[in-house]
Amino acid sequence: MKNVFSFIALGLLVAALIVFLAVPQLFAPIFRPLVQNNAPAIYTQANLFSLTLSHLTIVAIATGLATLVASALAVLVTRPSGADFLPLSRSIVNIGQTFPPVAVLALAVPMIGFGEKPTLIALFLYALLPVFENTLTGLTTLPAAVMDAARGSGMTGWQRLVKVELPLALPAILAGIRLSAVISLSTATIGSTVAARTLGEVIIAGLQSNNLAFILQGGLIVAALAVLIHTAFSALESAAARKTGH
């Protein structure tokens, strides 16, 4: 019964988000009490659907690149030949957590200009650590009996990695990607400070004009997307865990 209610709630959230992005003026009566001096209740300076797609695209690219790099580093340091690189790899992936995204943007803009590129760099660096640590955990906590059986069957190191280790570690890897994606989704809003097309544009416009309705709209869209992404990756994690018998 709990799963049924969760599914219904998720469906309603998806429907509400789609309708709001497609026809935001329908929700004007809800937001109008939040504005003053006859200010607009719905953000119309840019298309909300277009901003959302741009926001998601930036997050997807940054998270995808971070996943490739971080998981590759984790695989490298879990091989006998790469074990010595673990401290260096941890230092690399910790860079994003050491420097706040705002600082990364400030450093990147003078070198590569305004727009999506500095935002991608900031999100990429910020997303490395969760994927790396989760992949590392997944690959170093594999059942010893399964690994012994794989070696005993004559599998090469590459075969064990592809057919045994990565599939068994997949739930942990997906958990890291989920965390990175949700963090990047909220952090991407600051990209609008350097002219990237994100939902932060709506929030910033609200702050500049003291329009609480704009701030709430941007925040609610990001929050709804975060819930949907979190739920989707959680479902993938559960499916992967069931497949591996965990």
Protein backbone atom coordinates (compact mmCIF):
# COMPACT_ATOMS: atom_id res chain seq x y z
CA MET A 1 0.00 0.00 0.00
CA LYS A 2 2.85 2.37 0.82
CA ASN A 3 4.38 1.76 -2.61
CA VAL A 4 1.04 2.52 -4.27
CA PHE A 5 0.73 5.86 -2.48
CA SER A 6 4.34 6.70 -3.33
CA PHE A 7 3.72 5.88 -6.99
CA ILE A 8 0.57 8.03 -7.06
CA ALA A 9 2.36 10.94 -5.35
CA LEU A 10 5.23 10.67 -7.82
CA GLY A 11 2.81 10.62 -10.75
CA LEU A 12 1.04 13.72 -9.45
CA LEU A 13 4.39 15.48 -9.04
CA VAL A 14 5.39 14.68 -12.61
CA ALA A 15 2.02 15.82 -13.94
CA ALA A 16 2.11 19.08 -11.94
CA LEU A 17 5.66 19.83 -13.10
CA ILE A 18 4.82 19.20 -16.76
CA VAL A 19 1.69 21.35 -16.63
CA PHE A 20 3.50 24.17 -14.82
CA LEU A 21 6.37 24.19 -17.32
CA ALA A 22 4.00 24.01 -20.29
CA VAL A 23 1.34 26.49 -19.11
CA PRO A 24 2.74 28.40 -16.10
CA GLN A 25 0.05 31.11 -16.32
CA LEU A 26 -2.49 28.59 -15.01
CA PHE A 27 -0.73 28.83 -11.64
CA ALA A 28 -0.74 32.64 -11.50
CA PRO A 29 -3.58 32.78 -8.93
CA ILE A 30 -1.52 30.62 -6.56
CA PHE A 31 1.55 32.86 -6.71
CA ARG A 32 -0.21 36.24 -6.94
CA PRO A 33 -0.56 36.68 -3.13
CA LEU A 34 3.25 36.55 -2.92
CA VAL A 35 3.88 39.61 -5.11
CA GLN A 36 3.60 43.31 -4.34
CA ASN A 37 2.65 46.41 -6.32
CA ASN A 38 1.04 44.47 -9.18
CA ALA A 39 4.32 42.75 -10.02
CA PRO A 40 4.09 39.72 -12.34
CA ALA A 41 3.23 36.50 -10.54
CA ILE A 42 4.83 34.20 -13.15
CA TYR A 43 8.35 34.52 -14.52
CA THR A 44 8.04 35.31 -18.25
CA GLN A 45 11.44 36.79 -19.12
CA ALA A 46 12.44 33.37 -20.44
CA ASN A 47 10.62 30.15 -21.23
CA LEU A 48 10.58 28.00 -18.08
CA PHE A 49 10.54 24.76 -20.06
CA SER A 50 13.59 25.85 -22.06
CA LEU A 51 15.42 26.90 -18.89
CA THR A 52 14.65 23.56 -17.28
CA LEU A 53 15.98 21.62 -20.27
CA SER A 54 19.14 23.73 -20.31
CA HIS A 55 19.58 23.22 -16.54
CA LEU A 56 19.16 19.44 -16.86
CA THR A 57 21.53 19.29 -19.83
CA ILE A 58 24.31 21.03 -17.92
CA VAL A 59 23.80 18.72 -14.92
CA ALA A 60 23.71 15.60 -17.10
CA ILE A 61 26.92 16.49 -18.95
CA ALA A 62 28.81 17.40 -15.77
CA THR A 63 27.61 14.31 -13.89
CA GLY A 64 28.30 12.03 -16.85
CA LEU A 65 31.86 13.28 -17.28
CA ALA A 66 32.48 13.09 -13.52
CA THR A 67 31.17 9.52 -13.47
CA LEU A 68 33.52 8.45 -16.26
CA VAL A 69 36.59 10.04 -14.69
CA ALA A 70 35.86 9.12 -11.06
CA SER A 71 34.90 5.51 -11.79
CA ALA A 72 37.96 5.07 -14.00
CA LEU A 73 40.18 6.37 -11.18
CA ALA A 74 38.46 4.03 -8.71
CA VAL A 75 39.04 1.04 -10.99
CA LEU A 76 42.68 2.05 -11.45
CA VAL A 77 43.46 2.28 -7.74
CA THR A 78 41.77 -1.05 -6.99
CA ARG A 79 44.13 -2.87 -9.40
CA PRO A 80 47.43 -4.12 -7.94
CA SER A 81 49.35 -1.99 -10.44
CA GLY A 82 47.51 1.20 -9.44
CA ALA A 83 47.17 0.83 -5.67
CA ASP A 84 50.00 3.31 -5.07
CA PHE A 85 47.95 6.03 -6.80
CA LEU A 86 45.11 5.94 -4.23
CA PRO A 87 46.35 8.95 -2.17
CA LEU A 88 46.90 11.00 -5.35
CA SER A 89 43.48 10.04 -6.72
CA ARG A 90 41.78 11.03 -3.49
CA SER A 91 43.54 14.39 -3.59
CA ILE A 92 42.34 14.96 -7.15
CA VAL A 93 38.69 14.15 -6.48
CA ASN A 94 38.71 16.21 -3.29
CA ILE A 95 39.58 19.38 -5.21
CA GLY A 96 35.93 20.03 -6.00
CA GLN A 97 34.95 19.76 -2.35
CA THR A 98 37.87 21.93 -1.23
CA PHE A 99 36.99 24.86 -3.51
CA PRO A 100 33.38 26.11 -3.36
CA PRO A 101 31.66 26.19 -6.77
CA VAL A 102 31.48 29.99 -6.58
CA ALA A 103 35.28 30.14 -6.25
CA VAL A 104 35.70 27.78 -9.21
CA LEU A 105 33.43 30.02 -11.30
CA ALA A 106 35.42 33.10 -10.29
CA LEU A 107 38.65 31.41 -11.37
CA ALA A 108 37.26 29.90 -14.57
CA VAL A 109 35.47 32.92 -16.03
CA PRO A 110 38.62 35.01 -16.71
CA MET A 111 40.14 32.03 -18.57
CA ILE A 112 37.21 30.66 -20.59
CA GLY A 113 34.60 33.42 -20.42
CA PHE A 114 30.98 33.51 -19.33
CA GLY A 115 28.32 30.92 -20.08
CA GLU A 116 27.89 27.20 -19.56
CA LYS A 117 31.57 26.22 -19.65
CA PRO A 118 32.65 27.56 -16.23
CA THR A 119 29.48 26.08 -14.73
CA LEU A 120 30.29 22.69 -16.22
CA ILE A 121 33.79 22.82 -14.75
CA ALA A 122 32.47 23.69 -11.29
CA LEU A 123 29.83 20.95 -11.34
CA PHE A 124 32.26 18.39 -12.76
CA LEU A 125 34.76 18.99 -9.95
CA TYR A 126 32.02 18.96 -7.32
CA ALA A 127 30.59 15.65 -8.58
CA LEU A 128 33.83 13.65 -8.58
CA LEU A 129 34.09 12.71 -4.90
CA PRO A 130 30.75 10.90 -4.34
CA VAL A 131 31.17 8.74 -7.45
CA PHE A 132 34.80 7.94 -6.68
CA GLU A 133 34.23 6.98 -3.05
CA ASN A 134 31.14 4.89 -3.78
CA THR A 135 32.80 3.10 -6.67
CA LEU A 136 35.85 2.46 -4.50
CA THR A 137 33.67 1.08 -1.72
CA GLY A 138 31.76 -1.11 -4.12
CA LEU A 139 34.91 -2.58 -5.65
CA THR A 140 36.71 -3.19 -2.34
CA THR A 141 33.83 -4.86 -0.50
CA LEU A 142 33.05 -7.63 -2.97
CA PRO A 143 32.36 -11.12 -1.52
CA ALA A 144 35.65 -12.98 -1.24
CA ALA A 145 34.00 -16.29 -2.20
CA VAL A 146 32.70 -14.83 -5.46
CA MET A 147 36.09 -13.37 -6.37
CA ASP A 148 37.84 -16.66 -5.57
CA ALA A 149 35.36 -18.50 -7.76
CA ALA A 150 35.96 -16.05 -10.62
CA ARG A 151 39.71 -16.55 -10.37
CA GLY A 152 39.30 -20.30 -10.08
CA SER A 153 37.24 -20.40 -13.27
CA GLY A 154 40.18 -18.97 -15.21
CA MET A 155 38.83 -15.48 -15.83
CA THR A 156 41.36 -12.83 -16.75
CA GLY A 157 41.58 -9.60 -14.76
CA TRP A 158 39.58 -7.74 -17.41
CA GLN A 159 36.90 -10.42 -17.50
CA ARG A 160 36.55 -10.35 -13.71
CA LEU A 161 36.22 -6.58 -13.77
CA VAL A 162 33.57 -6.46 -16.49
CA LYS A 163 31.58 -9.61 -15.70
CA VAL A 164 31.87 -9.82 -11.91
CA GLU A 165 33.24 -6.75 -10.09
CA LEU A 166 31.41 -3.90 -11.84
CA PRO A 167 28.00 -5.67 -11.88
CA LEU A 168 28.30 -6.46 -8.16
CA ALA A 169 29.47 -2.92 -7.38
CA LEU A 170 26.77 -1.31 -9.54
CA PRO A 171 24.33 -0.49 -6.68
CA ALA A 172 27.07 1.40 -4.84
CA ILE A 173 28.16 3.16 -8.05
CA LEU A 174 24.59 4.23 -8.79
CA ALA A 175 24.27 5.58 -5.24
CA GLY A 176 27.31 7.79 -5.88
CA ILE A 177 25.91 8.99 -9.21
CA ARG A 178 22.57 9.74 -7.54
CA LEU A 179 24.24 11.84 -4.87
CA SER A 180 26.34 13.70 -7.44
CA ALA A 181 23.36 14.37 -9.70
CA VAL A 182 21.19 15.75 -6.90
CA ILE A 183 24.00 17.95 -5.59
CA SER A 184 24.78 19.20 -9.09
CA LEU A 185 21.12 19.92 -9.75
CA SER A 186 20.91 22.38 -6.87
CA THR A 187 24.42 23.76 -7.31
CA ALA A 188 23.84 24.48 -11.01
CA THR A 189 21.59 27.40 -10.09
CA ILE A 190 24.66 29.51 -9.34
CA GLY A 191 25.62 29.15 -13.00
CA SER A 192 23.23 31.95 -13.83
CA THR A 193 25.59 34.36 -12.08
CA VAL A 194 28.00 33.81 -14.98
CA ALA A 195 25.33 33.88 -17.72
CA ALA A 196 24.66 30.14 -17.93
CA ARG A 197 21.03 29.31 -18.77
CA THR A 198 19.82 27.60 -15.61
CA LEU A 199 16.85 27.86 -13.29
CA GLY A 200 18.98 30.10 -11.12
CA GLU A 201 17.97 32.85 -13.55
CA VAL A 202 14.45 32.74 -12.11
CA ILE A 203 15.69 32.83 -8.52
CA ILE A 204 18.13 35.68 -9.19
CA ALA A 205 15.41 37.70 -10.93
CA GLY A 206 13.25 37.22 -7.85
CA LEU A 207 16.02 38.38 -5.54
CA GLN A 208 16.74 41.46 -7.66
CA SER A 209 13.10 42.51 -7.86
CA ASN A 210 12.11 41.35 -4.37
CA ASN A 211 9.59 39.00 -6.00
CA LEU A 212 9.00 36.02 -3.73
CA ALA A 213 6.89 34.31 -6.39
CA PHE A 214 9.86 34.07 -8.78
CA ILE A 215 12.15 32.73 -6.05
CA LEU A 216 9.58 30.10 -5.08
CA GLN A 217 9.01 29.04 -8.69
CA GLY A 218 12.69 28.46 -9.36
CA GLY A 219 13.15 26.69 -6.05
CA LEU A 220 10.11 24.45 -6.49
CA ILE A 221 11.13 23.34 -9.99
CA VAL A 222 14.63 22.44 -8.79
CA ALA A 223 13.20 20.65 -5.76
CA ALA A 224 10.74 18.66 -7.91
CA LEU A 225 13.51 17.66 -10.32
CA ALA A 226 15.72 16.61 -7.38
CA VAL A 227 12.96 14.36 -6.02
CA LEU A 228 12.41 12.77 -9.43
CA ILE A 229 16.10 12.19 -10.08
CA HIS A 230 16.62 10.80 -6.58
CA THR A 231 13.65 8.45 -7.00
CA ALA A 232 14.76 7.29 -10.45
CA PHE A 233 18.28 6.43 -9.31
CA SER A 234 16.96 4.79 -6.14
CA ALA A 235 14.81 2.54 -8.31
CA LEU A 236 17.83 1.66 -10.46
CA GLU A 237 19.86 0.89 -7.32
CA SER A 238 17.13 -1.41 -6.01
CA ALA A 239 16.87 -3.19 -9.36
CA ALA A 240 20.64 -3.65 -9.51
CA ALA A 241 20.73 -4.90 -5.92
CA ARG A 242 17.99 -7.46 -6.62
CA LYS A 243 19.82 -8.62 -9.72
CA THR A 244 22.99 -9.26 -7.74
CA GLY A 245 21.09 -10.91 -4.90
CA HIS A 246 21.68 -8.18 -2.28
